[in-house]
Amino acid sequence: MSRKALEQLQESVHGRSTDLVKLKDGKPAGKAAPEFGPAFPAKQKAKIFGDLADSGALATAVDGVEKKAGDQLDDAKERLDDVERALDQVRRNLRDADTASTPKDPS
């Protein structure tokens, strides 16, 4: 694998990690989606559901779903960050190996 390919892969992983942060913050993660709405978990208020008898329970359930999704986005971002760090270490190791194996100029 070439250094350029590793660099491009690392940049791609970083880009996906950034997209997850944007998604969680309620910002468009890409050109395909113009708006994602507010950040989540949004902490819904019961009044958003009108005069439903169980609007408080519904708001609590929505908050639970949003928290779970937010937690999963955080986990995915952590994993992508780990991959990015590992790719950086591979690139450093390759650079160090190349430097060590390059003959020194005797002059």
PDB file of N, CA and C in Angstrom:
ATOM      1  N   MET A   1       0.846  -1.170   0.000  1.00  0.00           N
ATOM      2  CA  MET A   1       0.000   0.000   0.000  1.00  0.00           C
ATOM      3  C   MET A   1       0.893   1.234   0.000  1.00  0.00           C
ATOM      4  N   SER A   2       0.551   2.197  -0.815  1.00  0.00           N
ATOM      5  CA  SER A   2       1.379   3.396  -0.922  1.00  0.00           C
ATOM      6  C   SER A   2       1.076   4.373   0.205  1.00  0.00           C
ATOM      7  N   ARG A   3       2.012   5.252   0.433  1.00  0.00           N
ATOM      8  CA  ARG A   3       1.810   6.293   1.453  1.00  0.00           C
ATOM      9  C   ARG A   3       0.627   7.178   1.081  1.00  0.00           C
ATOM     10  N   LYS A   4       0.517   7.474  -0.199  1.00  0.00           N
ATOM     11  CA  LYS A   4      -0.576   8.331  -0.666  1.00  0.00           C
ATOM     12  C   LYS A   4      -1.924   7.667  -0.388  1.00  0.00           C
ATOM     13  N   ALA A   5      -2.023   6.371  -0.621  1.00  0.00           N
ATOM     14  CA  ALA A   5      -3.268   5.651  -0.361  1.00  0.00           C
ATOM     15  C   ALA A   5      -3.596   5.672   1.133  1.00  0.00           C
ATOM     16  N   LEU A   6      -2.595   5.492   1.983  1.00  0.00           N
ATOM     17  CA  LEU A   6      -2.819   5.549   3.430  1.00  0.00           C
ATOM     18  C   LEU A   6      -3.274   6.941   3.850  1.00  0.00           C
ATOM     19  N   GLU A   7      -2.662   7.951   3.277  1.00  0.00           N
ATOM     20  CA  GLU A   7      -3.034   9.327   3.590  1.00  0.00           C
ATOM     21  C   GLU A   7      -4.483   9.603   3.173  1.00  0.00           C
ATOM     22  N   GLN A   8      -4.848   9.149   1.986  1.00  0.00           N
ATOM     23  CA  GLN A   8      -6.223   9.358   1.510  1.00  0.00           C
ATOM     24  C   GLN A   8      -7.229   8.601   2.378  1.00  0.00           C
ATOM     25  N   LEU A   9      -6.872   7.395   2.798  1.00  0.00           N
ATOM     26  CA  LEU A   9      -7.751   6.625   3.664  1.00  0.00           C
ATOM     27  C   LEU A   9      -7.919   7.334   5.004  1.00  0.00           C
ATOM     28  N   GLN A  10      -6.829   7.826   5.556  1.00  0.00           N
ATOM     29  CA  GLN A  10      -6.887   8.537   6.825  1.00  0.00           C
ATOM     30  C   GLN A  10      -7.759   9.795   6.700  1.00  0.00           C
ATOM     31  N   GLU A  11      -7.618  10.515   5.608  1.00  0.00           N
ATOM     32  CA  GLU A  11      -8.437  11.710   5.383  1.00  0.00           C
ATOM     33  C   GLU A  11      -9.914  11.348   5.248  1.00  0.00           C
ATOM     34  N   SER A  12     -10.193  10.245   4.589  1.00  0.00           N
ATOM     35  CA  SER A  12     -11.574   9.792   4.428  1.00  0.00           C
ATOM     36  C   SER A  12     -12.190   9.431   5.777  1.00  0.00           C
ATOM     37  N   VAL A  13     -11.436   8.720   6.607  1.00  0.00           N
ATOM     38  CA  VAL A  13     -11.916   8.345   7.939  1.00  0.00           C
ATOM     39  C   VAL A  13     -12.175   9.610   8.760  1.00  0.00           C
ATOM     40  N   HIS A  14     -11.269  10.570   8.670  1.00  0.00           N
ATOM     41  CA  HIS A  14     -11.443  11.827   9.396  1.00  0.00           C
ATOM     42  C   HIS A  14     -12.710  12.547   8.918  1.00  0.00           C
ATOM     43  N   GLY A  15     -12.932  12.531   7.618  1.00  0.00           N
ATOM     44  CA  GLY A  15     -14.129  13.161   7.063  1.00  0.00           C
ATOM     45  C   GLY A  15     -15.409  12.532   7.575  1.00  0.00           C
ATOM     46  N   ARG A  16     -15.432  11.195   7.663  1.00  0.00           N
ATOM     47  CA  ARG A  16     -16.629  10.517   8.173  1.00  0.00           C
ATOM     48  C   ARG A  16     -16.828  10.844   9.647  1.00  0.00           C
ATOM     49  N   SER A  17     -15.742  10.934  10.402  1.00  0.00           N
ATOM     50  CA  SER A  17     -15.829  11.293  11.810  1.00  0.00           C
ATOM     51  C   SER A  17     -16.412  12.695  11.964  1.00  0.00           C
ATOM     52  N   THR A  18     -15.970  13.612  11.124  1.00  0.00           N
ATOM     53  CA  THR A  18     -16.491  14.975  11.145  1.00  0.00           C
ATOM     54  C   THR A  18     -17.971  14.989  10.778  1.00  0.00           C
ATOM     55  N   ASP A  19     -18.366  14.161   9.807  1.00  0.00           N
ATOM     56  CA  ASP A  19     -19.775  14.067   9.425  1.00  0.00           C
ATOM     57  C   ASP A  19     -20.637  13.634  10.607  1.00  0.00           C
ATOM     58  N   LEU A  20     -20.146  12.697  11.418  1.00  0.00           N
ATOM     59  CA  LEU A  20     -20.916  12.241  12.574  1.00  0.00           C
ATOM     60  C   LEU A  20     -21.124  13.367  13.581  1.00  0.00           C
ATOM     61  N   VAL A  21     -20.088  14.175  13.780  1.00  0.00           N
ATOM     62  CA  VAL A  21     -20.216  15.308  14.700  1.00  0.00           C
ATOM     63  C   VAL A  21     -21.253  16.289  14.163  1.00  0.00           C
ATOM     64  N   LYS A  22     -21.198  16.566  12.872  1.00  0.00           N
ATOM     65  CA  LYS A  22     -22.161  17.487  12.268  1.00  0.00           C
ATOM     66  C   LYS A  22     -23.579  16.941  12.400  1.00  0.00           C
ATOM     67  N   LEU A  23     -23.749  15.656  12.154  1.00  0.00           N
ATOM     68  CA  LEU A  23     -25.064  15.037  12.246  1.00  0.00           C
ATOM     69  C   LEU A  23     -25.615  15.165  13.659  1.00  0.00           C
ATOM     70  N   LYS A  24     -24.781  14.864  14.637  1.00  0.00           N
ATOM     71  CA  LYS A  24     -25.231  14.933  16.022  1.00  0.00           C
ATOM     72  C   LYS A  24     -25.546  16.366  16.424  1.00  0.00           C
ATOM     73  N   ASP A  25     -24.837  17.324  15.872  1.00  0.00           N
ATOM     74  CA  ASP A  25     -25.073  18.729  16.202  1.00  0.00           C
ATOM     75  C   ASP A  25     -26.211  19.338  15.399  1.00  0.00           C
ATOM     76  N   GLY A  26     -26.872  18.519  14.565  1.00  0.00           N
ATOM     77  CA  GLY A  26     -28.010  18.994  13.809  1.00  0.00           C
ATOM     78  C   GLY A  26     -27.647  19.782  12.565  1.00  0.00           C
ATOM     79  N   LYS A  27     -26.419  19.605  12.095  1.00  0.00           N
ATOM     80  CA  LYS A  27     -25.979  20.309  10.894  1.00  0.00           C
ATOM     81  C   LYS A  27     -25.919  19.329   9.732  1.00  0.00           C
ATOM     82  N   PRO A  28     -26.098  19.813   8.518  1.00  0.00           N
ATOM     83  CA  PRO A  28     -25.997  18.917   7.370  1.00  0.00           C
ATOM     84  C   PRO A  28     -24.634  18.241   7.322  1.00  0.00           C
ATOM     85  N   ALA A  29     -24.636  16.931   7.154  1.00  0.00           N
ATOM     86  CA  ALA A  29     -23.382  16.185   7.083  1.00  0.00           C
ATOM     87  C   ALA A  29     -22.884  16.068   5.656  1.00  0.00           C
ATOM     88  N   GLY A  30     -23.714  16.362   4.694  1.00  0.00           N
ATOM     89  CA  GLY A  30     -23.294  16.241   3.313  1.00  0.00           C
ATOM     90  C   GLY A  30     -24.223  17.025   2.412  1.00  0.00           C
ATOM     91  N   LYS A  31     -23.938  16.946   1.143  1.00  0.00           N
ATOM     92  CA  LYS A  31     -24.714  17.709   0.169  1.00  0.00           C
ATOM     93  C   LYS A  31     -26.121  17.148  -0.018  1.00  0.00           C
ATOM     94  N   ALA A  32     -26.332  15.891   0.279  1.00  0.00           N
ATOM     95  CA  ALA A  32     -27.621  15.260   0.007  1.00  0.00           C
ATOM     96  C   ALA A  32     -28.723  15.723   0.948  1.00  0.00           C
ATOM     97  N   ALA A  33     -28.380  16.074   2.171  1.00  0.00           N
ATOM     98  CA  ALA A  33     -29.401  16.447   3.145  1.00  0.00           C
ATOM     99  C   ALA A  33     -29.270  17.925   3.503  1.00  0.00           C
ATOM    100  N   PRO A  34     -30.281  18.725   3.167  1.00  0.00           N
ATOM    101  CA  PRO A  34     -30.158  20.162   3.417  1.00  0.00           C
ATOM    102  C   PRO A  34     -30.276  20.544   4.885  1.00  0.00           C
ATOM    103  N   GLU A  35     -30.980  19.750   5.693  1.00  0.00           N
ATOM    104  CA  GLU A  35     -31.186  20.128   7.088  1.00  0.00           C
ATOM    105  C   GLU A  35     -31.498  18.894   7.925  1.00  0.00           C
ATOM    106  N   PHE A  36     -30.901  18.819   9.093  1.00  0.00           N
ATOM    107  CA  PHE A  36     -31.153  17.701   9.993  1.00  0.00           C
ATOM    108  C   PHE A  36     -31.954  18.120  11.210  1.00  0.00           C
ATOM    109  N   GLY A  37     -32.251  19.403  11.338  1.00  0.00           N
ATOM    110  CA  GLY A  37     -32.982  19.864  12.513  1.00  0.00           C
ATOM    111  C   GLY A  37     -32.033  20.123  13.671  1.00  0.00           C
ATOM    112  N   PRO A  38     -32.572  20.250  14.872  1.00  0.00           N
ATOM    113  CA  PRO A  38     -31.739  20.584  16.027  1.00  0.00           C
ATOM    114  C   PRO A  38     -30.859  19.412  16.445  1.00  0.00           C
ATOM    115  N   ALA A  39     -29.873  19.742  17.255  1.00  0.00           N
ATOM    116  CA  ALA A  39     -28.989  18.713  17.801  1.00  0.00           C
ATOM    117  C   ALA A  39     -29.810  17.742  18.641  1.00  0.00           C
ATOM    118  N   PHE A  40     -29.284  16.569  18.856  1.00  0.00           N
ATOM    119  CA  PHE A  40     -29.989  15.653  19.725  1.00  0.00           C
ATOM    120  C   PHE A  40     -29.009  14.992  20.674  1.00  0.00           C
ATOM    121  N   PRO A  41     -29.471  14.553  21.819  1.00  0.00           N
ATOM    122  CA  PRO A  41     -30.881  14.518  22.182  1.00  0.00           C
ATOM    123  C   PRO A  41     -31.441  15.927  22.385  1.00  0.00           C
ATOM    124  N   ALA A  42     -32.642  16.153  21.870  1.00  0.00           N
ATOM    125  CA  ALA A  42     -33.247  17.485  21.872  1.00  0.00           C
ATOM    126  C   ALA A  42     -34.036  17.782  23.146  1.00  0.00           C
ATOM    127  N   LYS A  43     -34.271  16.785  23.968  1.00  0.00           N
ATOM    128  CA  LYS A  43     -35.046  16.961  25.202  1.00  0.00           C
ATOM    129  C   LYS A  43     -36.420  17.554  24.875  1.00  0.00           C
ATOM    130  N   GLN A  44     -37.249  16.729  24.275  1.00  0.00           N
ATOM    131  CA  GLN A  44     -38.586  17.166  23.877  1.00  0.00           C
ATOM    132  C   GLN A  44     -39.419  17.547  25.099  1.00  0.00           C
ATOM    133  N   LYS A  45     -40.212  18.556  24.932  1.00  0.00           N
ATOM    134  CA  LYS A  45     -41.171  18.955  25.966  1.00  0.00           C
ATOM    135  C   LYS A  45     -42.498  18.271  25.650  1.00  0.00           C
ATOM    136  N   ALA A  46     -43.207  17.880  26.676  1.00  0.00           N
ATOM    137  CA  ALA A  46     -44.473  17.183  26.477  1.00  0.00           C
ATOM    138  C   ALA A  46     -45.454  18.011  25.659  1.00  0.00           C
ATOM    139  N   LYS A  47     -45.418  19.338  25.789  1.00  0.00           N
ATOM    140  CA  LYS A  47     -46.396  20.182  25.087  1.00  0.00           C
ATOM    141  C   LYS A  47     -46.254  20.115  23.571  1.00  0.00           C
ATOM    142  N   ILE A  48     -45.116  19.633  23.081  1.00  0.00           N
ATOM    143  CA  ILE A  48     -44.930  19.511  21.635  1.00  0.00           C
ATOM    144  C   ILE A  48     -45.939  18.538  21.028  1.00  0.00           C
ATOM    145  N   PHE A  49     -46.436  17.615  21.860  1.00  0.00           N
ATOM    146  CA  PHE A  49     -47.379  16.608  21.379  1.00  0.00           C
ATOM    147  C   PHE A  49     -48.832  17.005  21.637  1.00  0.00           C
ATOM    148  N   GLY A  50     -49.048  18.227  22.035  1.00  0.00           N
ATOM    149  CA  GLY A  50     -50.416  18.720  22.227  1.00  0.00           C
ATOM    150  C   GLY A  50     -51.038  18.210  23.503  1.00  0.00           C
ATOM    151  N   ASP A  51     -52.322  17.961  23.430  1.00  0.00           N
ATOM    152  CA  ASP A  51     -53.100  17.575  24.616  1.00  0.00           C
ATOM    153  C   ASP A  51     -53.256  16.068  24.771  1.00  0.00           C
ATOM    154  N   LEU A  52     -52.312  15.314  24.257  1.00  0.00           N
ATOM    155  CA  LEU A  52     -52.392  13.857  24.415  1.00  0.00           C
ATOM    156  C   LEU A  52     -52.327  13.494  25.893  1.00  0.00           C
ATOM    157  N   ALA A  53     -53.083  12.491  26.261  1.00  0.00           N
ATOM    158  CA  ALA A  53     -53.111  12.063  27.659  1.00  0.00           C
ATOM    159  C   ALA A  53     -51.729  11.627  28.133  1.00  0.00           C
ATOM    160  N   ASP A  54     -50.977  10.980  27.274  1.00  0.00           N
ATOM    161  CA  ASP A  54     -49.655  10.473  27.654  1.00  0.00           C
ATOM    162  C   ASP A  54     -48.538  11.239  26.955  1.00  0.00           C
ATOM    163  N   SER A  55     -48.728  12.541  26.754  1.00  0.00           N
ATOM    164  CA  SER A  55     -47.704  13.310  26.042  1.00  0.00           C
ATOM    165  C   SER A  55     -46.371  13.321  26.792  1.00  0.00           C
ATOM    166  N   GLY A  56     -46.424  13.305  28.122  1.00  0.00           N
ATOM    167  CA  GLY A  56     -45.179  13.251  28.906  1.00  0.00           C
ATOM    168  C   GLY A  56     -44.428  11.959  28.669  1.00  0.00           C
ATOM    169  N   ALA A  57     -45.162  10.861  28.630  1.00  0.00           N
ATOM    170  CA  ALA A  57     -44.531   9.557  28.380  1.00  0.00           C
ATOM    171  C   ALA A  57     -43.974   9.490  26.967  1.00  0.00           C
ATOM    172  N   LEU A  58     -44.711  10.073  26.019  1.00  0.00           N
ATOM    173  CA  LEU A  58     -44.239  10.092  24.629  1.00  0.00           C
ATOM    174  C   LEU A  58     -42.962  10.915  24.513  1.00  0.00           C
ATOM    175  N   ALA A  59     -42.933  12.078  25.159  1.00  0.00           N
ATOM    176  CA  ALA A  59     -41.725  12.914  25.145  1.00  0.00           C
ATOM    177  C   ALA A  59     -40.550  12.169  25.768  1.00  0.00           C
ATOM    178  N   THR A  60     -40.798  11.459  26.841  1.00  0.00           N
ATOM    179  CA  THR A  60     -39.743  10.676  27.497  1.00  0.00           C
ATOM    180  C   THR A  60     -39.237   9.575  26.568  1.00  0.00           C
ATOM    181  N   ALA A  61     -40.162   8.923  25.861  1.00  0.00           N
ATOM    182  CA  ALA A  61     -39.764   7.864  24.928  1.00  0.00           C
ATOM    183  C   ALA A  61     -38.930   8.431  23.785  1.00  0.00           C
ATOM    184  N   VAL A  62     -39.343   9.570  23.239  1.00  0.00           N
ATOM    185  CA  VAL A  62     -38.577  10.203  22.160  1.00  0.00           C
ATOM    186  C   VAL A  62     -37.190  10.590  22.661  1.00  0.00           C
ATOM    187  N   ASP A  63     -37.118  11.130  23.866  1.00  0.00           N
ATOM    188  CA  ASP A  63     -35.813  11.481  24.434  1.00  0.00           C
ATOM    189  C   ASP A  63     -34.921  10.246  24.560  1.00  0.00           C
ATOM    190  N   GLY A  64     -35.531   9.126  24.955  1.00  0.00           N
ATOM    191  CA  GLY A  64     -34.760   7.886  25.081  1.00  0.00           C
ATOM    192  C   GLY A  64     -34.191   7.425  23.750  1.00  0.00           C
ATOM    193  N   VAL A  65     -34.999   7.520  22.706  1.00  0.00           N
ATOM    194  CA  VAL A  65     -34.534   7.129  21.368  1.00  0.00           C
ATOM    195  C   VAL A  65     -33.407   8.058  20.913  1.00  0.00           C
ATOM    196  N   GLU A  66     -33.607   9.356  21.117  1.00  0.00           N
ATOM    197  CA  GLU A  66     -32.581  10.317  20.709  1.00  0.00           C
ATOM    198  C   GLU A  66     -31.284  10.121  21.505  1.00  0.00           C
ATOM    199  N   LYS A  67     -31.404   9.832  22.789  1.00  0.00           N
ATOM    200  CA  LYS A  67     -30.188   9.600  23.589  1.00  0.00           C
ATOM    201  C   LYS A  67     -29.445   8.373  23.081  1.00  0.00           C
ATOM    202  N   LYS A  68     -30.190   7.328  22.788  1.00  0.00           N
ATOM    203  CA  LYS A  68     -29.575   6.096  22.268  1.00  0.00           C
ATOM    204  C   LYS A  68     -28.862   6.371  20.945  1.00  0.00           C
ATOM    205  N   ALA A  69     -29.527   7.102  20.049  1.00  0.00           N
ATOM    206  CA  ALA A  69     -28.902   7.448  18.764  1.00  0.00           C
ATOM    207  C   ALA A  69     -27.659   8.308  18.986  1.00  0.00           C
ATOM    208  N   GLY A  70     -27.743   9.269  19.890  1.00  0.00           N
ATOM    209  CA  GLY A  70     -26.582  10.114  20.196  1.00  0.00           C
ATOM    210  C   GLY A  70     -25.424   9.304  20.756  1.00  0.00           C
ATOM    211  N   ASP A  71     -25.729   8.368  21.645  1.00  0.00           N
ATOM    212  CA  ASP A  71     -24.690   7.505  22.206  1.00  0.00           C
ATOM    213  C   ASP A  71     -24.025   6.663  21.119  1.00  0.00           C
ATOM    214  N   GLN A  72     -24.853   6.153  20.204  1.00  0.00           N
ATOM    215  CA  GLN A  72     -24.295   5.336  19.118  1.00  0.00           C
ATOM    216  C   GLN A  72     -23.430   6.171  18.182  1.00  0.00           C
ATOM    217  N   LEU A  73     -23.834   7.410  17.923  1.00  0.00           N
ATOM    218  CA  LEU A  73     -22.995   8.296  17.105  1.00  0.00           C
ATOM    219  C   LEU A  73     -21.678   8.579  17.812  1.00  0.00           C
ATOM    220  N   ASP A  74     -21.732   8.784  19.126  1.00  0.00           N
ATOM    221  CA  ASP A  74     -20.497   9.001  19.888  1.00  0.00           C
ATOM    222  C   ASP A  74     -19.578   7.779  19.794  1.00  0.00           C
ATOM    223  N   ASP A  75     -20.163   6.591  19.943  1.00  0.00           N
ATOM    224  CA  ASP A  75     -19.370   5.357  19.842  1.00  0.00           C
ATOM    225  C   ASP A  75     -18.747   5.211  18.456  1.00  0.00           C
ATOM    226  N   ALA A  76     -19.538   5.495  17.430  1.00  0.00           N
ATOM    227  CA  ALA A  76     -19.014   5.396  16.059  1.00  0.00           C
ATOM    228  C   ALA A  76     -17.886   6.386  15.841  1.00  0.00           C
ATOM    229  N   LYS A  77     -18.036   7.597  16.355  1.00  0.00           N
ATOM    230  CA  LYS A  77     -16.980   8.596  16.206  1.00  0.00           C
ATOM    231  C   LYS A  77     -15.712   8.150  16.927  1.00  0.00           C
ATOM    232  N   GLU A  78     -15.850   7.597  18.124  1.00  0.00           N
ATOM    233  CA  GLU A  78     -14.676   7.091  18.848  1.00  0.00           C
ATOM    234  C   GLU A  78     -13.958   6.005  18.047  1.00  0.00           C
ATOM    235  N   ARG A  79     -14.711   5.119  17.448  1.00  0.00           N
ATOM    236  CA  ARG A  79     -14.101   4.050  16.647  1.00  0.00           C
ATOM    237  C   ARG A  79     -13.385   4.614  15.421  1.00  0.00           C
ATOM    238  N   LEU A  80     -14.021   5.579  14.760  1.00  0.00           N
ATOM    239  CA  LEU A  80     -13.360   6.208  13.612  1.00  0.00           C
ATOM    240  C   LEU A  80     -12.102   6.950  14.039  1.00  0.00           C
ATOM    241  N   ASP A  81     -12.143   7.596  15.191  1.00  0.00           N
ATOM    242  CA  ASP A  81     -10.946   8.277  15.700  1.00  0.00           C
ATOM    243  C   ASP A  81      -9.828   7.268  15.980  1.00  0.00           C
ATOM    244  N   ASP A  82     -10.189   6.098  16.512  1.00  0.00           N
ATOM    245  CA  ASP A  82      -9.193   5.043  16.751  1.00  0.00           C
ATOM    246  C   ASP A  82      -8.570   4.576  15.437  1.00  0.00           C
ATOM    247  N   VAL A  83      -9.414   4.407  14.412  1.00  0.00           N
ATOM    248  CA  VAL A  83      -8.908   3.989  13.099  1.00  0.00           C
ATOM    249  C   VAL A  83      -7.978   5.060  12.532  1.00  0.00           C
ATOM    250  N   GLU A  84      -8.378   6.310  12.670  1.00  0.00           N
ATOM    251  CA  GLU A  84      -7.544   7.402  12.165  1.00  0.00           C
ATOM    252  C   GLU A  84      -6.183   7.425  12.861  1.00  0.00           C
ATOM    253  N   ARG A  85      -6.176   7.239  14.180  1.00  0.00           N
ATOM    254  CA  ARG A  85      -4.897   7.197  14.918  1.00  0.00           C
ATOM    255  C   ARG A  85      -4.053   6.004  14.488  1.00  0.00           C
ATOM    256  N   ALA A  86      -4.683   4.857  14.270  1.00  0.00           N
ATOM    257  CA  ALA A  86      -3.946   3.671  13.834  1.00  0.00           C
ATOM    258  C   ALA A  86      -3.334   3.886  12.453  1.00  0.00           C
ATOM    259  N   LEU A  87      -4.091   4.495  11.549  1.00  0.00           N
ATOM    260  CA  LEU A  87      -3.550   4.784  10.213  1.00  0.00           C
ATOM    261  C   LEU A  87      -2.390   5.767  10.298  1.00  0.00           C
ATOM    262  N   ASP A  88      -2.501   6.741  11.173  1.00  0.00           N
ATOM    263  CA  ASP A  88      -1.403   7.689  11.361  1.00  0.00           C
ATOM    264  C   ASP A  88      -0.155   6.954  11.866  1.00  0.00           C
ATOM    265  N   GLN A  89      -0.343   6.023  12.785  1.00  0.00           N
ATOM    266  CA  GLN A  89       0.802   5.272  13.304  1.00  0.00           C
ATOM    267  C   GLN A  89       1.433   4.411  12.211  1.00  0.00           C
ATOM    268  N   VAL A  90       0.618   3.806  11.372  1.00  0.00           N
ATOM    269  CA  VAL A  90       1.155   3.014  10.253  1.00  0.00           C
ATOM    270  C   VAL A  90       1.974   3.909   9.338  1.00  0.00           C
ATOM    271  N   ARG A  91       1.445   5.077   9.027  1.00  0.00           N
ATOM    272  CA  ARG A  91       2.184   6.015   8.161  1.00  0.00           C
ATOM    273  C   ARG A  91       3.511   6.429   8.812  1.00  0.00           C
ATOM    274  N   ARG A  92       3.500   6.681  10.112  1.00  0.00           N
ATOM    275  CA  ARG A  92       4.749   7.050  10.811  1.00  0.00           C
ATOM    276  C   ARG A  92       5.749   5.897  10.785  1.00  0.00           C
ATOM    277  N   ASN A  93       5.242   4.687  11.019  1.00  0.00           N
ATOM    278  CA  ASN A  93       6.127   3.520  11.008  1.00  0.00           C
ATOM    279  C   ASN A  93       6.753   3.320   9.629  1.00  0.00           C
ATOM    280  N   LEU A  94       5.961   3.493   8.583  1.00  0.00           N
ATOM    281  CA  LEU A  94       6.505   3.368   7.226  1.00  0.00           C
ATOM    282  C   LEU A  94       7.562   4.439   6.954  1.00  0.00           C
ATOM    283  N   ARG A  95       7.270   5.656   7.363  1.00  0.00           N
ATOM    284  CA  ARG A  95       8.232   6.746   7.169  1.00  0.00           C
ATOM    285  C   ARG A  95       9.529   6.462   7.935  1.00  0.00           C
ATOM    286  N   ASP A  96       9.394   6.018   9.181  1.00  0.00           N
ATOM    287  CA  ASP A  96      10.582   5.714   9.991  1.00  0.00           C
ATOM    288  C   ASP A  96      11.376   4.556   9.395  1.00  0.00           C
ATOM    289  N   ALA A  97      10.666   3.540   8.880  1.00  0.00           N
ATOM    290  CA  ALA A  97      11.352   2.398   8.266  1.00  0.00           C
ATOM    291  C   ALA A  97      12.091   2.835   7.005  1.00  0.00           C
ATOM    292  N   ASP A  98      11.449   3.692   6.219  1.00  0.00           N
ATOM    293  CA  ASP A  98      12.114   4.204   5.016  1.00  0.00           C
ATOM    294  C   ASP A  98      13.347   5.020   5.368  1.00  0.00           C
ATOM    295  N   THR A  99      13.224   5.845   6.386  1.00  0.00           N
ATOM    296  CA  THR A  99      14.343   6.674   6.817  1.00  0.00           C
ATOM    297  C   THR A  99      15.499   5.796   7.322  1.00  0.00           C
ATOM    298  N   ALA A 100      15.168   4.780   8.082  1.00  0.00           N
ATOM    299  CA  ALA A 100      16.201   3.893   8.639  1.00  0.00           C
ATOM    300  C   ALA A 100      16.875   3.061   7.565  1.00  0.00           C
ATOM    301  N   SER A 101      16.162   2.732   6.502  1.00  0.00           N
ATOM    302  CA  SER A 101      16.747   1.867   5.480  1.00  0.00           C
ATOM    303  C   SER A 101      17.423   2.661   4.349  1.00  0.00           C
ATOM    304  N   THR A 102      17.314   3.971   4.378  1.00  0.00           N
ATOM    305  CA  THR A 102      17.959   4.789   3.370  1.00  0.00           C
ATOM    306  C   THR A 102      19.436   4.917   3.706  1.00  0.00           C
ATOM    307  N   PRO A 103      20.309   4.546   2.753  1.00  0.00           N
ATOM    308  CA  PRO A 103      21.748   4.627   3.026  1.00  0.00           C
ATOM    309  C   PRO A 103      22.165   6.073   3.273  1.00  0.00           C
ATOM    310  N   LYS A 104      23.055   6.232   4.206  1.00  0.00           N
ATOM    311  CA  LYS A 104      23.582   7.553   4.532  1.00  0.00           C
ATOM    312  C   LYS A 104      24.604   7.945   3.467  1.00  0.00           C
ATOM    313  N   ASP A 105      24.599   9.209   3.131  1.00  0.00           N
ATOM    314  CA  ASP A 105      25.566   9.741   2.166  1.00  0.00           C
ATOM    315  C   ASP A 105      26.935   9.834   2.868  1.00  0.00           C
ATOM    316  N   PRO A 106      27.950   9.101   2.364  1.00  0.00           N
ATOM    317  CA  PRO A 106      29.246   9.058   3.055  1.00  0.00           C
ATOM    318  C   PRO A 106      30.010  10.392   2.978  1.00  0.00           C
ATOM    319  N   SER A 107      29.582  11.318   2.171  1.00  0.00           N
ATOM    320  CA  SER A 107      30.361  12.562   2.034  1.00  0.00           C
ATOM    321  C   SER A 107      30.100  13.556   3.088  1.00  0.00           C
TER     322      SER A 107
END
